[in-house]
Amino acid sequence: MRSKPRSKTPVMTRAADPSRSVRRSSRRDAAHPGHPIVARSDARRAALAKRIHRIEGQVSGIERMLDDDRYCVDIITQVSAVQAALDALARELLEHHLHGCVAKAIASGDGEHAIDEALTVIRRFGR
């Protein structure tokens, strides 16, 4: 069964929304008050955005494969590739968090909470 055709209406991306950075900052601060925030460099942020866009493209490709009634094993292979890409993204984000945010929290005396939070994330990620 085929799904309905995708809309040709342009979609506003996050990068095109200039107010996004203000909202992201205030939302982040409200969600985790008192947490030391270690900003990513512009180059690192750009590399992460590029990786996410690549993953979005892979997911869109899976949608097209479904629309085209492609062979199930081929689709499952692509789903596995997306999962691996998301896992790699999560590992990179976790590494930044540990080396940046957690290290800064330890240096400022709030290490216990930061370590507990990191362990919770690691346990969730390891499932």
PDB file of N, CA and C in Angstrom:
ATOM      1  N   MET A   1       0.838  -1.176   0.000  1.00  0.00           N
ATOM      2  CA  MET A   1       0.000   0.000   0.000  1.00  0.00           C
ATOM      3  C   MET A   1       0.881   1.236   0.000  1.00  0.00           C
ATOM      4  N   ARG A   2       0.643   2.117  -0.902  1.00  0.00           N
ATOM      5  CA  ARG A   2       1.464   3.316  -1.040  1.00  0.00           C
ATOM      6  C   ARG A   2       0.883   4.452  -0.215  1.00  0.00           C
ATOM      7  N   SER A   3       1.775   5.250   0.336  1.00  0.00           N
ATOM      8  CA  SER A   3       1.326   6.413   1.099  1.00  0.00           C
ATOM      9  C   SER A   3       1.071   7.570   0.140  1.00  0.00           C
ATOM     10  N   LYS A   4       0.427   8.612   0.678  1.00  0.00           N
ATOM     11  CA  LYS A   4       0.143   9.771  -0.159  1.00  0.00           C
ATOM     12  C   LYS A   4       1.444  10.487  -0.523  1.00  0.00           C
ATOM     13  N   PRO A   5       1.485  11.183  -1.657  1.00  0.00           N
ATOM     14  CA  PRO A   5       2.705  11.889  -2.081  1.00  0.00           C
ATOM     15  C   PRO A   5       3.089  12.964  -1.073  1.00  0.00           C
ATOM     16  N   ARG A   6       4.371  13.167  -0.958  1.00  0.00           N
ATOM     17  CA  ARG A   6       4.873  14.198  -0.058  1.00  0.00           C
ATOM     18  C   ARG A   6       4.552  15.579  -0.604  1.00  0.00           C
ATOM     19  N   SER A   7       4.357  16.514   0.310  1.00  0.00           N
ATOM     20  CA  SER A   7       4.025  17.886  -0.049  1.00  0.00           C
ATOM     21  C   SER A   7       5.220  18.563  -0.723  1.00  0.00           C
ATOM     22  N   LYS A   8       4.942  19.413  -1.680  1.00  0.00           N
ATOM     23  CA  LYS A   8       5.987  20.194  -2.347  1.00  0.00           C
ATOM     24  C   LYS A   8       6.172  21.547  -1.674  1.00  0.00           C
ATOM     25  N   THR A   9       5.414  21.808  -0.584  1.00  0.00           N
ATOM     26  CA  THR A   9       5.517  23.067   0.140  1.00  0.00           C
ATOM     27  C   THR A   9       6.857  23.132   0.850  1.00  0.00           C
ATOM     28  N   PRO A  10       7.593  24.237   0.689  1.00  0.00           N
ATOM     29  CA  PRO A  10       8.875  24.336   1.377  1.00  0.00           C
ATOM     30  C   PRO A  10       8.681  24.325   2.893  1.00  0.00           C
ATOM     31  N   VAL A  11       9.587  23.687   3.566  1.00  0.00           N
ATOM     32  CA  VAL A  11       9.530  23.590   5.017  1.00  0.00           C
ATOM     33  C   VAL A  11      10.610  24.484   5.601  1.00  0.00           C
ATOM     34  N   MET A  12      10.263  25.275   6.621  1.00  0.00           N
ATOM     35  CA  MET A  12      11.249  26.133   7.276  1.00  0.00           C
ATOM     36  C   MET A  12      12.133  25.257   8.150  1.00  0.00           C
ATOM     37  N   THR A  13      13.395  25.282   7.904  1.00  0.00           N
ATOM     38  CA  THR A  13      14.318  24.488   8.706  1.00  0.00           C
ATOM     39  C   THR A  13      14.701  25.240   9.954  1.00  0.00           C
ATOM     40  N   ARG A  14      15.272  24.526  10.902  1.00  0.00           N
ATOM     41  CA  ARG A  14      15.681  25.163  12.146  1.00  0.00           C
ATOM     42  C   ARG A  14      16.726  26.240  11.903  1.00  0.00           C
ATOM     43  N   ALA A  15      17.631  26.000  10.978  1.00  0.00           N
ATOM     44  CA  ALA A  15      18.695  26.967  10.710  1.00  0.00           C
ATOM     45  C   ALA A  15      18.133  28.269  10.146  1.00  0.00           C
ATOM     46  N   ALA A  16      16.975  28.188   9.475  1.00  0.00           N
ATOM     47  CA  ALA A  16      16.395  29.378   8.868  1.00  0.00           C
ATOM     48  C   ALA A  16      15.622  30.223   9.876  1.00  0.00           C
ATOM     49  N   ASP A  17      15.419  29.733  11.076  1.00  0.00           N
ATOM     50  CA  ASP A  17      14.659  30.443  12.083  1.00  0.00           C
ATOM     51  C   ASP A  17      15.619  31.205  12.998  1.00  0.00           C
ATOM     52  N   PRO A  18      15.755  32.532  12.837  1.00  0.00           N
ATOM     53  CA  PRO A  18      16.739  33.295  13.607  1.00  0.00           C
ATOM     54  C   PRO A  18      16.449  33.321  15.106  1.00  0.00           C
ATOM     55  N   SER A  19      15.205  33.124  15.513  1.00  0.00           N
ATOM     56  CA  SER A  19      14.893  33.157  16.943  1.00  0.00           C
ATOM     57  C   SER A  19      15.231  31.846  17.627  1.00  0.00           C
ATOM     58  N   ARG A  20      15.597  30.847  16.861  1.00  0.00           N
ATOM     59  CA  ARG A  20      15.868  29.507  17.398  1.00  0.00           C
ATOM     60  C   ARG A  20      16.982  29.519  18.444  1.00  0.00           C
ATOM     61  N   SER A  21      18.050  30.250  18.188  1.00  0.00           N
ATOM     62  CA  SER A  21      19.177  30.235  19.122  1.00  0.00           C
ATOM     63  C   SER A  21      18.781  30.827  20.473  1.00  0.00           C
ATOM     64  N   VAL A  22      17.922  31.812  20.478  1.00  0.00           N
ATOM     65  CA  VAL A  22      17.487  32.405  21.743  1.00  0.00           C
ATOM     66  C   VAL A  22      16.645  31.399  22.511  1.00  0.00           C
ATOM     67  N   ARG A  23      15.717  30.752  21.840  1.00  0.00           N
ATOM     68  CA  ARG A  23      14.869  29.777  22.510  1.00  0.00           C
ATOM     69  C   ARG A  23      15.683  28.598  23.006  1.00  0.00           C
ATOM     70  N   ARG A  24      16.626  28.125  22.217  1.00  0.00           N
ATOM     71  CA  ARG A  24      17.432  26.967  22.604  1.00  0.00           C
ATOM     72  C   ARG A  24      18.177  27.276  23.891  1.00  0.00           C
ATOM     73  N   SER A  25      18.758  28.447  23.977  1.00  0.00           N
ATOM     74  CA  SER A  25      19.535  28.831  25.147  1.00  0.00           C
ATOM     75  C   SER A  25      18.664  28.906  26.395  1.00  0.00           C
ATOM     76  N   SER A  26      17.523  29.597  26.326  1.00  0.00           N
ATOM     77  CA  SER A  26      16.687  29.750  27.509  1.00  0.00           C
ATOM     78  C   SER A  26      16.049  28.426  27.892  1.00  0.00           C
ATOM     79  N   ARG A  27      15.676  27.589  26.928  1.00  0.00           N
ATOM     80  CA  ARG A  27      15.084  26.290  27.218  1.00  0.00           C
ATOM     81  C   ARG A  27      16.122  25.404  27.889  1.00  0.00           C
ATOM     82  N   ARG A  28      17.337  25.432  27.417  1.00  0.00           N
ATOM     83  CA  ARG A  28      18.416  24.625  27.985  1.00  0.00           C
ATOM     84  C   ARG A  28      18.665  25.026  29.422  1.00  0.00           C
ATOM     85  N   ASP A  29      18.737  26.325  29.682  1.00  0.00           N
ATOM     86  CA  ASP A  29      19.007  26.807  31.028  1.00  0.00           C
ATOM     87  C   ASP A  29      17.878  26.455  31.981  1.00  0.00           C
ATOM     88  N   ALA A  30      16.643  26.505  31.523  1.00  0.00           N
ATOM     89  CA  ALA A  30      15.505  26.189  32.373  1.00  0.00           C
ATOM     90  C   ALA A  30      15.432  24.694  32.657  1.00  0.00           C
ATOM     91  N   ALA A  31      15.814  23.874  31.712  1.00  0.00           N
ATOM     92  CA  ALA A  31      15.727  22.427  31.874  1.00  0.00           C
ATOM     93  C   ALA A  31      16.758  21.909  32.855  1.00  0.00           C
ATOM     94  N   HIS A  32      17.924  22.521  32.920  1.00  0.00           N
ATOM     95  CA  HIS A  32      19.009  22.053  33.780  1.00  0.00           C
ATOM     96  C   HIS A  32      19.671  23.235  34.485  1.00  0.00           C
ATOM     97  N   PRO A  33      18.947  23.879  35.397  1.00  0.00           N
ATOM     98  CA  PRO A  33      19.533  25.032  36.083  1.00  0.00           C
ATOM     99  C   PRO A  33      20.734  24.605  36.925  1.00  0.00           C
ATOM    100  N   GLY A  34      21.742  25.445  36.955  1.00  0.00           N
ATOM    101  CA  GLY A  34      22.920  25.162  37.750  1.00  0.00           C
ATOM    102  C   GLY A  34      23.925  24.243  37.096  1.00  0.00           C
ATOM    103  N   HIS A  35      23.598  23.701  35.946  1.00  0.00           N
ATOM    104  CA  HIS A  35      24.542  22.824  35.241  1.00  0.00           C
ATOM    105  C   HIS A  35      25.542  23.669  34.475  1.00  0.00           C
ATOM    106  N   PRO A  36      26.809  23.327  34.583  1.00  0.00           N
ATOM    107  CA  PRO A  36      27.782  24.061  33.771  1.00  0.00           C
ATOM    108  C   PRO A  36      27.610  23.670  32.308  1.00  0.00           C
ATOM    109  N   ILE A  37      27.532  24.651  31.466  1.00  0.00           N
ATOM    110  CA  ILE A  37      27.356  24.423  30.035  1.00  0.00           C
ATOM    111  C   ILE A  37      28.686  24.695  29.348  1.00  0.00           C
ATOM    112  N   VAL A  38      29.155  23.727  28.582  1.00  0.00           N
ATOM    113  CA  VAL A  38      30.381  23.902  27.815  1.00  0.00           C
ATOM    114  C   VAL A  38      29.964  23.964  26.351  1.00  0.00           C
ATOM    115  N   ALA A  39      30.079  25.144  25.780  1.00  0.00           N
ATOM    116  CA  ALA A  39      29.638  25.350  24.402  1.00  0.00           C
ATOM    117  C   ALA A  39      30.507  24.582  23.425  1.00  0.00           C
ATOM    118  N   ARG A  40      29.880  24.169  22.339  1.00  0.00           N
ATOM    119  CA  ARG A  40      30.615  23.531  21.254  1.00  0.00           C
ATOM    120  C   ARG A  40      31.174  24.623  20.348  1.00  0.00           C
ATOM    121  N   SER A  41      32.294  24.347  19.742  1.00  0.00           N
ATOM    122  CA  SER A  41      32.852  25.310  18.791  1.00  0.00           C
ATOM    123  C   SER A  41      31.937  25.382  17.574  1.00  0.00           C
ATOM    124  N   ASP A  42      32.064  26.455  16.818  1.00  0.00           N
ATOM    125  CA  ASP A  42      31.263  26.589  15.600  1.00  0.00           C
ATOM    126  C   ASP A  42      31.544  25.447  14.640  1.00  0.00           C
ATOM    127  N   ALA A  43      32.804  25.037  14.538  1.00  0.00           N
ATOM    128  CA  ALA A  43      33.164  23.938  13.634  1.00  0.00           C
ATOM    129  C   ALA A  43      32.530  22.633  14.098  1.00  0.00           C
ATOM    130  N   ARG A  44      32.538  22.381  15.415  1.00  0.00           N
ATOM    131  CA  ARG A  44      31.954  21.152  15.961  1.00  0.00           C
ATOM    132  C   ARG A  44      30.447  21.150  15.753  1.00  0.00           C
ATOM    133  N   ARG A  45      29.815  22.303  16.016  1.00  0.00           N
ATOM    134  CA  ARG A  45      28.370  22.422  15.830  1.00  0.00           C
ATOM    135  C   ARG A  45      27.996  22.200  14.365  1.00  0.00           C
ATOM    136  N   ALA A  46      28.795  22.739  13.452  1.00  0.00           N
ATOM    137  CA  ALA A  46      28.544  22.555  12.020  1.00  0.00           C
ATOM    138  C   ALA A  46      28.703  21.089  11.628  1.00  0.00           C
ATOM    139  N   ALA A  47      29.704  20.429  12.182  1.00  0.00           N
ATOM    140  CA  ALA A  47      29.914  19.009  11.880  1.00  0.00           C
ATOM    141  C   ALA A  47      28.759  18.157  12.397  1.00  0.00           C
ATOM    142  N   LEU A  48      28.247  18.494  13.582  1.00  0.00           N
ATOM    143  CA  LEU A  48      27.099  17.759  14.125  1.00  0.00           C
ATOM    144  C   LEU A  48      25.857  17.997  13.260  1.00  0.00           C
ATOM    145  N   ALA A  49      25.662  19.237  12.834  1.00  0.00           N
ATOM    146  CA  ALA A  49      24.513  19.554  11.976  1.00  0.00           C
ATOM    147  C   ALA A  49      24.605  18.788  10.660  1.00  0.00           C
ATOM    148  N   LYS A  50      25.813  18.712  10.106  1.00  0.00           N
ATOM    149  CA  LYS A  50      26.013  17.976   8.860  1.00  0.00           C
ATOM    150  C   LYS A  50      25.684  16.495   9.052  1.00  0.00           C
ATOM    151  N   ARG A  51      26.107  15.952  10.191  1.00  0.00           N
ATOM    152  CA  ARG A  51      25.837  14.541  10.491  1.00  0.00           C
ATOM    153  C   ARG A  51      24.334  14.307  10.619  1.00  0.00           C
ATOM    154  N   ILE A  52      23.646  15.222  11.308  1.00  0.00           N
ATOM    155  CA  ILE A  52      22.197  15.081  11.487  1.00  0.00           C
ATOM    156  C   ILE A  52      21.475  15.184  10.148  1.00  0.00           C
ATOM    157  N   HIS A  53      21.908  16.093   9.298  1.00  0.00           N
ATOM    158  CA  HIS A  53      21.282  16.208   7.975  1.00  0.00           C
ATOM    159  C   HIS A  53      21.489  14.940   7.153  1.00  0.00           C
ATOM    160  N   ARG A  54      22.658  14.331   7.296  1.00  0.00           N
ATOM    161  CA  ARG A  54      22.920  13.076   6.597  1.00  0.00           C
ATOM    162  C   ARG A  54      21.963  11.990   7.097  1.00  0.00           C
ATOM    163  N   ILE A  55      21.749  11.940   8.409  1.00  0.00           N
ATOM    164  CA  ILE A  55      20.821  10.963   8.990  1.00  0.00           C
ATOM    165  C   ILE A  55      19.400  11.231   8.501  1.00  0.00           C
ATOM    166  N   GLU A  56      19.018  12.506   8.459  1.00  0.00           N
ATOM    167  CA  GLU A  56      17.697  12.857   7.932  1.00  0.00           C
ATOM    168  C   GLU A  56      17.538  12.361   6.493  1.00  0.00           C
ATOM    169  N   GLY A  57      18.590  12.495   5.710  1.00  0.00           N
ATOM    170  CA  GLY A  57      18.556  12.002   4.332  1.00  0.00           C
ATOM    171  C   GLY A  57      18.395  10.489   4.278  1.00  0.00           C
ATOM    172  N   GLN A  58      19.068   9.782   5.190  1.00  0.00           N
ATOM    173  CA  GLN A  58      18.933   8.334   5.231  1.00  0.00           C
ATOM    174  C   GLN A  58      17.496   7.938   5.586  1.00  0.00           C
ATOM    175  N   VAL A  59      16.900   8.646   6.547  1.00  0.00           N
ATOM    176  CA  VAL A  59      15.528   8.342   6.945  1.00  0.00           C
ATOM    177  C   VAL A  59      14.568   8.633   5.783  1.00  0.00           C
ATOM    178  N   SER A  60      14.795   9.724   5.085  1.00  0.00           N
ATOM    179  CA  SER A  60      13.966  10.028   3.906  1.00  0.00           C
ATOM    180  C   SER A  60      14.114   8.951   2.845  1.00  0.00           C
ATOM    181  N   GLY A  61      15.330   8.437   2.715  1.00  0.00           N
ATOM    182  CA  GLY A  61      15.572   7.350   1.769  1.00  0.00           C
ATOM    183  C   GLY A  61      14.787   6.106   2.138  1.00  0.00           C
ATOM    184  N   ILE A  62      14.688   5.829   3.430  1.00  0.00           N
ATOM    185  CA  ILE A  62      13.899   4.678   3.880  1.00  0.00           C
ATOM    186  C   ILE A  62      12.427   4.893   3.534  1.00  0.00           C
ATOM    187  N   GLU A  63      11.954   6.112   3.730  1.00  0.00           N
ATOM    188  CA  GLU A  63      10.567   6.413   3.376  1.00  0.00           C
ATOM    189  C   GLU A  63      10.318   6.175   1.886  1.00  0.00           C
ATOM    190  N   ARG A  64      11.258   6.624   1.051  1.00  0.00           N
ATOM    191  CA  ARG A  64      11.116   6.407  -0.391  1.00  0.00           C
ATOM    192  C   ARG A  64      11.143   4.920  -0.725  1.00  0.00           C
ATOM    193  N   MET A  65      12.002   4.172  -0.032  1.00  0.00           N
ATOM    194  CA  MET A  65      12.057   2.726  -0.262  1.00  0.00           C
ATOM    195  C   MET A  65      10.711   2.080   0.074  1.00  0.00           C
ATOM    196  N   LEU A  66      10.094   2.526   1.165  1.00  0.00           N
ATOM    197  CA  LEU A  66       8.778   2.000   1.524  1.00  0.00           C
ATOM    198  C   LEU A  66       7.735   2.375   0.469  1.00  0.00           C
ATOM    199  N   ASP A  67       7.776   3.630   0.027  1.00  0.00           N
ATOM    200  CA  ASP A  67       6.849   4.087  -1.008  1.00  0.00           C
ATOM    201  C   ASP A  67       6.998   3.283  -2.295  1.00  0.00           C
ATOM    202  N   ASP A  68       8.232   2.864  -2.594  1.00  0.00           N
ATOM    203  CA  ASP A  68       8.512   2.117  -3.816  1.00  0.00           C
ATOM    204  C   ASP A  68       8.377   0.608  -3.644  1.00  0.00           C
ATOM    205  N   ASP A  69       7.904   0.174  -2.466  1.00  0.00           N
ATOM    206  CA  ASP A  69       7.746  -1.258  -2.179  1.00  0.00           C
ATOM    207  C   ASP A  69       9.032  -2.034  -2.417  1.00  0.00           C
ATOM    208  N   ARG A  70      10.136  -1.485  -1.922  1.00  0.00           N
ATOM    209  CA  ARG A  70      11.426  -2.154  -2.079  1.00  0.00           C
ATOM    210  C   ARG A  70      11.506  -3.401  -1.214  1.00  0.00           C
ATOM    211  N   TYR A  71      12.488  -4.216  -1.502  1.00  0.00           N
ATOM    212  CA  TYR A  71      12.719  -5.481  -0.808  1.00  0.00           C
ATOM    213  C   TYR A  71      12.952  -5.226   0.685  1.00  0.00           C
ATOM    214  N   CYS A  72      12.269  -5.991   1.528  1.00  0.00           N
ATOM    215  CA  CYS A  72      12.304  -5.786   2.983  1.00  0.00           C
ATOM    216  C   CYS A  72      13.721  -5.793   3.554  1.00  0.00           C
ATOM    217  N   VAL A  73      14.543  -6.715   3.105  1.00  0.00           N
ATOM    218  CA  VAL A  73      15.904  -6.821   3.641  1.00  0.00           C
ATOM    219  C   VAL A  73      16.705  -5.568   3.318  1.00  0.00           C
ATOM    220  N   ASP A  74      16.492  -4.993   2.150  1.00  0.00           N
ATOM    221  CA  ASP A  74      17.183  -3.743   1.799  1.00  0.00           C
ATOM    222  C   ASP A  74      16.757  -2.605   2.730  1.00  0.00           C
ATOM    223  N   ILE A  75      15.471  -2.554   3.047  1.00  0.00           N
ATOM    224  CA  ILE A  75      14.971  -1.508   3.942  1.00  0.00           C
ATOM    225  C   ILE A  75      15.536  -1.721   5.350  1.00  0.00           C
ATOM    226  N   ILE A  76      15.517  -2.957   5.807  1.00  0.00           N
ATOM    227  CA  ILE A  76      16.042  -3.264   7.140  1.00  0.00           C
ATOM    228  C   ILE A  76      17.522  -2.908   7.220  1.00  0.00           C
ATOM    229  N   THR A  77      18.258  -3.140   6.158  1.00  0.00           N
ATOM    230  CA  THR A  77      19.679  -2.777   6.120  1.00  0.00           C
ATOM    231  C   THR A  77      19.843  -1.276   6.298  1.00  0.00           C
ATOM    232  N   GLN A  78      18.991  -0.498   5.651  1.00  0.00           N
ATOM    233  CA  GLN A  78      19.071   0.957   5.789  1.00  0.00           C
ATOM    234  C   GLN A  78      18.649   1.415   7.185  1.00  0.00           C
ATOM    235  N   VAL A  79      17.659   0.748   7.774  1.00  0.00           N
ATOM    236  CA  VAL A  79      17.259   1.070   9.147  1.00  0.00           C
ATOM    237  C   VAL A  79      18.436   0.821  10.086  1.00  0.00           C
ATOM    238  N   SER A  80      19.146  -0.272   9.870  1.00  0.00           N
ATOM    239  CA  SER A  80      20.317  -0.583  10.686  1.00  0.00           C
ATOM    240  C   SER A  80      21.398   0.482  10.531  1.00  0.00           C
ATOM    241  N   ALA A  81      21.572   0.974   9.320  1.00  0.00           N
ATOM    242  CA  ALA A  81      22.567   2.024   9.075  1.00  0.00           C
ATOM    243  C   ALA A  81      22.186   3.314   9.813  1.00  0.00           C
ATOM    244  N   VAL A  82      20.901   3.644   9.827  1.00  0.00           N
ATOM    245  CA  VAL A  82      20.444   4.840  10.547  1.00  0.00           C
ATOM    246  C   VAL A  82      20.668   4.660  12.048  1.00  0.00           C
ATOM    247  N   GLN A  83      20.356   3.486  12.562  1.00  0.00           N
ATOM    248  CA  GLN A  83      20.576   3.230  13.985  1.00  0.00           C
ATOM    249  C   GLN A  83      22.055   3.373  14.339  1.00  0.00           C
ATOM    250  N   ALA A  84      22.924   2.857  13.492  1.00  0.00           N
ATOM    251  CA  ALA A  84      24.364   2.972  13.736  1.00  0.00           C
ATOM    252  C   ALA A  84      24.800   4.435  13.694  1.00  0.00           C
ATOM    253  N   ALA A  85      24.258   5.208  12.760  1.00  0.00           N
ATOM    254  CA  ALA A  85      24.599   6.628  12.665  1.00  0.00           C
ATOM    255  C   ALA A  85      24.117   7.388  13.898  1.00  0.00           C
ATOM    256  N   LEU A  86      22.925   7.072  14.385  1.00  0.00           N
ATOM    257  CA  LEU A  86      22.423   7.717  15.596  1.00  0.00           C
ATOM    258  C   LEU A  86      23.252   7.327  16.816  1.00  0.00           C
ATOM    259  N   ASP A  87      23.661   6.069  16.884  1.00  0.00           N
ATOM    260  CA  ASP A  87      24.524   5.634  17.988  1.00  0.00           C
ATOM    261  C   ASP A  87      25.856   6.386  17.973  1.00  0.00           C
ATOM    262  N   ALA A  88      26.424   6.572  16.794  1.00  0.00           N
ATOM    263  CA  ALA A  88      27.688   7.306  16.686  1.00  0.00           C
ATOM    264  C   ALA A  88      27.500   8.759  17.107  1.00  0.00           C
ATOM    265  N   LEU A  89      26.386   9.357  16.730  1.00  0.00           N
ATOM    266  CA  LEU A  89      26.078  10.726  17.142  1.00  0.00           C
ATOM    267  C   LEU A  89      25.954  10.800  18.662  1.00  0.00           C
ATOM    268  N   ALA A  90      25.244   9.855  19.242  1.00  0.00           N
ATOM    269  CA  ALA A  90      25.070   9.841  20.692  1.00  0.00           C
ATOM    270  C   ALA A  90      26.409   9.674  21.412  1.00  0.00           C
ATOM    271  N   ARG A  91      27.277   8.818  20.897  1.00  0.00           N
ATOM    272  CA  ARG A  91      28.600   8.642  21.508  1.00  0.00           C
ATOM    273  C   ARG A  91      29.397   9.940  21.463  1.00  0.00           C
ATOM    274  N   GLU A  92      29.323  10.626  20.352  1.00  0.00           N
ATOM    275  CA  GLU A  92      30.049  11.888  20.228  1.00  0.00           C
ATOM    276  C   GLU A  92      29.504  12.935  21.202  1.00  0.00           C
ATOM    277  N   LEU A  93      28.194  13.015  21.323  1.00  0.00           N
ATOM    278  CA  LEU A  93      27.596  13.958  22.264  1.00  0.00           C
ATOM    279  C   LEU A  93      27.953  13.591  23.710  1.00  0.00           C
ATOM    280  N   LEU A  94      27.944  12.313  24.006  1.00  0.00           N
ATOM    281  CA  LEU A  94      28.312  11.858  25.347  1.00  0.00           C
ATOM    282  C   LEU A  94      29.765  12.186  25.653  1.00  0.00           C
ATOM    283  N   GLU A  95      30.630  11.991  24.683  1.00  0.00           N
ATOM    284  CA  GLU A  95      32.044  12.323  24.875  1.00  0.00           C
ATOM    285  C   GLU A  95      32.216  13.806  25.191  1.00  0.00           C
ATOM    286  N   HIS A  96      31.525  14.660  24.436  1.00  0.00           N
ATOM    287  CA  HIS A  96      31.592  16.100  24.700  1.00  0.00           C
ATOM    288  C   HIS A  96      31.079  16.398  26.107  1.00  0.00           C
ATOM    289  N   HIS A  97      29.989  15.754  26.478  1.00  0.00           N
ATOM    290  CA  HIS A  97      29.403  15.991  27.793  1.00  0.00           C
ATOM    291  C   HIS A  97      30.378  15.595  28.911  1.00  0.00           C
ATOM    292  N   LEU A  98      31.006  14.444  28.750  1.00  0.00           N
ATOM    293  CA  LEU A  98      31.928  13.972  29.785  1.00  0.00           C
ATOM    294  C   LEU A  98      33.174  14.855  29.881  1.00  0.00           C
ATOM    295  N   HIS A  99      33.785  15.138  28.739  1.00  0.00           N
ATOM    296  CA  HIS A  99      35.021  15.927  28.742  1.00  0.00           C
ATOM    297  C   HIS A  99      34.773  17.404  29.031  1.00  0.00           C
ATOM    298  N   GLY A 100      33.590  17.884  28.713  1.00  0.00           N
ATOM    299  CA  GLY A 100      33.293  19.298  28.896  1.00  0.00           C
ATOM    300  C   GLY A 100      32.459  19.564  30.125  1.00  0.00           C
ATOM    301  N   CYS A 101      31.186  19.241  30.046  1.00  0.00           N
ATOM    302  CA  CYS A 101      30.230  19.594  31.097  1.00  0.00           C
ATOM    303  C   CYS A 101      30.539  18.903  32.421  1.00  0.00           C
ATOM    304  N   VAL A 102      30.771  17.595  32.388  1.00  0.00           N
ATOM    305  CA  VAL A 102      31.034  16.860  33.634  1.00  0.00           C
ATOM    306  C   VAL A 102      32.370  17.290  34.235  1.00  0.00           C
ATOM    307  N   ALA A 103      33.377  17.434  33.400  1.00  0.00           N
ATOM    308  CA  ALA A 103      34.684  17.881  33.912  1.00  0.00           C
ATOM    309  C   ALA A 103      34.570  19.260  34.558  1.00  0.00           C
ATOM    310  N   LYS A 104      33.800  20.154  33.951  1.00  0.00           N
ATOM    311  CA  LYS A 104      33.617  21.494  34.508  1.00  0.00           C
ATOM    312  C   LYS A 104      32.847  21.426  35.829  1.00  0.00           C
ATOM    313  N   ALA A 105      31.844  20.553  35.901  1.00  0.00           N
ATOM    314  CA  ALA A 105      31.078  20.400  37.133  1.00  0.00           C
ATOM    315  C   ALA A 105      31.959  19.868  38.259  1.00  0.00           C
ATOM    316  N   ILE A 106      32.822  18.920  37.948  1.00  0.00           N
ATOM    317  CA  ILE A 106      33.740  18.370  38.952  1.00  0.00           C
ATOM    318  C   ILE A 106      34.673  19.465  39.452  1.00  0.00           C
ATOM    319  N   ALA A 107      35.199  20.247  38.528  1.00  0.00           N
ATOM    320  CA  ALA A 107      36.121  21.326  38.899  1.00  0.00           C
ATOM    321  C   ALA A 107      35.437  22.385  39.759  1.00  0.00           C
ATOM    322  N   SER A 108      34.131  22.583  39.554  1.00  0.00           N
ATOM    323  CA  SER A 108      33.414  23.601  40.323  1.00  0.00           C
ATOM    324  C   SER A 108      32.820  23.049  41.616  1.00  0.00           C
ATOM    325  N   GLY A 109      33.016  21.750  41.889  1.00  0.00           N
ATOM    326  CA  GLY A 109      32.529  21.162  43.134  1.00  0.00           C
ATOM    327  C   GLY A 109      31.180  20.492  43.049  1.00  0.00           C
ATOM    328  N   ASP A 110      30.559  20.456  41.873  1.00  0.00           N
ATOM    329  CA  ASP A 110      29.253  19.812  41.706  1.00  0.00           C
ATOM    330  C   ASP A 110      29.401  18.504  40.929  1.00  0.00           C
ATOM    331  N   GLY A 111      30.495  17.817  41.161  1.00  0.00           N
ATOM    332  CA  GLY A 111      30.792  16.617  40.392  1.00  0.00           C
ATOM    333  C   GLY A 111      29.886  15.449  40.682  1.00  0.00           C
ATOM    334  N   GLU A 112      29.464  15.303  41.931  1.00  0.00           N
ATOM    335  CA  GLU A 112      28.635  14.144  42.309  1.00  0.00           C
ATOM    336  C   GLU A 112      27.367  14.078  41.466  1.00  0.00           C
ATOM    337  N   HIS A 113      26.659  15.188  41.392  1.00  0.00           N
ATOM    338  CA  HIS A 113      25.420  15.223  40.611  1.00  0.00           C
ATOM    339  C   HIS A 113      25.693  14.988  39.123  1.00  0.00           C
ATOM    340  N   ALA A 114      26.716  15.614  38.602  1.00  0.00           N
ATOM    341  CA  ALA A 114      27.046  15.482  37.173  1.00  0.00           C
ATOM    342  C   ALA A 114      27.428  14.042  36.837  1.00  0.00           C
ATOM    343  N   ILE A 115      28.176  13.391  37.715  1.00  0.00           N
ATOM    344  CA  ILE A 115      28.566  11.998  37.480  1.00  0.00           C
ATOM    345  C   ILE A 115      27.343  11.093  37.532  1.00  0.00           C
ATOM    346  N   ASP A 116      26.463  11.317  38.515  1.00  0.00           N
ATOM    347  CA  ASP A 116      25.239  10.513  38.608  1.00  0.00           C
ATOM    348  C   ASP A 116      24.395  10.654  37.339  1.00  0.00           C
ATOM    349  N   GLU A 117      24.270  11.886  36.873  1.00  0.00           N
ATOM    350  CA  GLU A 117      23.500  12.131  35.649  1.00  0.00           C
ATOM    351  C   GLU A 117      24.150  11.441  34.453  1.00  0.00           C
ATOM    352  N   ALA A 118      25.468  11.539  34.346  1.00  0.00           N
ATOM    353  CA  ALA A 118      26.185  10.902  33.240  1.00  0.00           C
ATOM    354  C   ALA A 118      26.007   9.385  33.287  1.00  0.00           C
ATOM    355  N   LEU A 119      26.063   8.804  34.471  1.00  0.00           N
ATOM    356  CA  LEU A 119      25.879   7.358  34.595  1.00  0.00           C
ATOM    357  C   LEU A 119      24.470   6.938  34.174  1.00  0.00           C
ATOM    358  N   THR A 120      23.481   7.751  34.512  1.00  0.00           N
ATOM    359  CA  THR A 120      22.110   7.470  34.091  1.00  0.00           C
ATOM    360  C   THR A 120      22.009   7.468  32.569  1.00  0.00           C
ATOM    361  N   VAL A 121      22.635   8.453  31.945  1.00  0.00           N
ATOM    362  CA  VAL A 121      22.614   8.536  30.478  1.00  0.00           C
ATOM    363  C   VAL A 121      23.340   7.341  29.863  1.00  0.00           C
ATOM    364  N   ILE A 122      24.477   6.979  30.436  1.00  0.00           N
ATOM    365  CA  ILE A 122      25.254   5.846  29.908  1.00  0.00           C
ATOM    366  C   ILE A 122      24.447   4.562  30.032  1.00  0.00           C
ATOM    367  N   ARG A 123      23.777   4.375  31.157  1.00  0.00           N
ATOM    368  CA  ARG A 123      22.957   3.162  31.331  1.00  0.00           C
ATOM    369  C   ARG A 123      21.828   3.125  30.295  1.00  0.00           C
ATOM    370  N   ARG A 124      21.180   4.263  30.064  1.00  0.00           N
ATOM    371  CA  ARG A 124      20.105   4.331  29.089  1.00  0.00           C
ATOM    372  C   ARG A 124      20.639   4.055  27.681  1.00  0.00           C
ATOM    373  N   PHE A 125      21.795   4.598  27.393  1.00  0.00           N
ATOM    374  CA  PHE A 125      22.400   4.437  26.071  1.00  0.00           C
ATOM    375  C   PHE A 125      22.844   2.997  25.832  1.00  0.00           C
ATOM    376  N   GLY A 126      23.238   2.312  26.896  1.00  0.00           N
ATOM    377  CA  GLY A 126      23.762   0.950  26.764  1.00  0.00           C
ATOM    378  C   GLY A 126      22.710  -0.129  26.576  1.00  0.00           C
ATOM    379  N   ARG A 127      21.441   0.239  26.596  1.00  0.00           N
ATOM    380  CA  ARG A 127      20.371  -0.765  26.437  1.00  0.00           C
ATOM    381  C   ARG A 127      20.327  -1.339  25.056  1.00  0.00           C
TER     382      ARG A 127
END
